[in-house]
Every structure is written in structure tokens, then in C-alpha cells.
């Protein structure tokens, strides 16, 4: 089996978490805003207890088909068509939560906080939340404010953007701790993506 078959198009920073042993067998894992499941191929193939939500029926259908092919004990109830703002899972249900390229679609600060607190609600004490989202870090002078913390980026996209101060402040408000420093990739000055990794206190 080659690497693309084993890992798919996994986010490189999520792959880094696997290499560091932060995602281990026996964990219950949620991909919140899973899309077609690009970050789940390795986890499904290797028997992890994986759950997924997305508001797109098409995306959840793709995840269900992928899971049935890769995970013999898969149940379609684990992949649900619902918004990340209001999920049907119990409190403290997951050991590890993936939120990749989701939060920068928030409509405003209130919506951003709603999503973050919903992710936090379903995360177990001691659990880990891995977030990748667009930020203003490194392109502060190149973005155009549109109101409600949304900006037009040099690449023409419109995103809700955070900066390091906002991520640090939100971490403190959640009473969480960073288990990785905040890291940002600047893509040719056109957009920036930051990684925000938070541990929930016991």
C-alpha cells in the first residue's frame, strides 16, 4: 500500500499529531465539518472510533461510502448531517476533535464563539481540540475589512479571520491550554492558515 492509499489527502498538521502520538487507538474522534472525509482515511483504515458531522448531505454520503469500504465495523449513525453549531452528541463525548477549515466560515464573532463552545461541549475533560483556520497573522496590511470580523483576502476569498491575540484570549476563556504553539503558514502573501491546538482541563 502506498502512502496516498494509507493516508489520503490528510492535513499535514493533523498528520503531525499522529506522528507525535496524540491520536491513539481507543480514542473516540470527531471530525466536525468533515467534508468528504479527507482527514479520516488513515483513522478508518486502522480501526479508530471515528464520528463525523457536516451540514452537507453529499459530504456525509461520501464519508459513509468511504467508511463502509475501509472500516468493517462501521455504523452509518456515526456520520450525521447536522451543523457544527448544534450537534446531537452528548456532553464530554470525544477524546479528540478535528475542525479543519471550518471556523473561518463563521458569520461573525457570535457565530465563531457558538461553534467553538459547541466543540468544547462535546470534548471530554483532558481531551484535545485540533483546529485549522484562516487568520490575519502575517497579512495584516493586505486584507480588507468588511465588518463582523470578516475580511477580503488578497486571493479574493472572504473569510472570518482570527489573530494570535484572539486565539490566546479564547483559549483562556475556555480555561484550556495550548498543547502546541500557534503555527501559521503564509501562502505567498495571498492567505494564511493557522493551527490552534487546545487541551481541555480535567
Foldseek 3Di string as FASTA:
>chain_A
DDPCQQQNPADVVVVVCVVVVVDDAPFAEEEAQQFLPRRCRNVLLVPHNYAYEHLDPVSLVNNVVSNVVRHVPDDSVRYYNDHLLDDPDAFQAGQEYEYEADLFAQPAPVSSVSNVVSVNRNHHQQHKYKYKYWACVPLVVQWADDDRCWTQFQVRDITNHDDPVVLVVVLVVQVWDFPDPWDWDQDVSGTIMIITMTTHHD
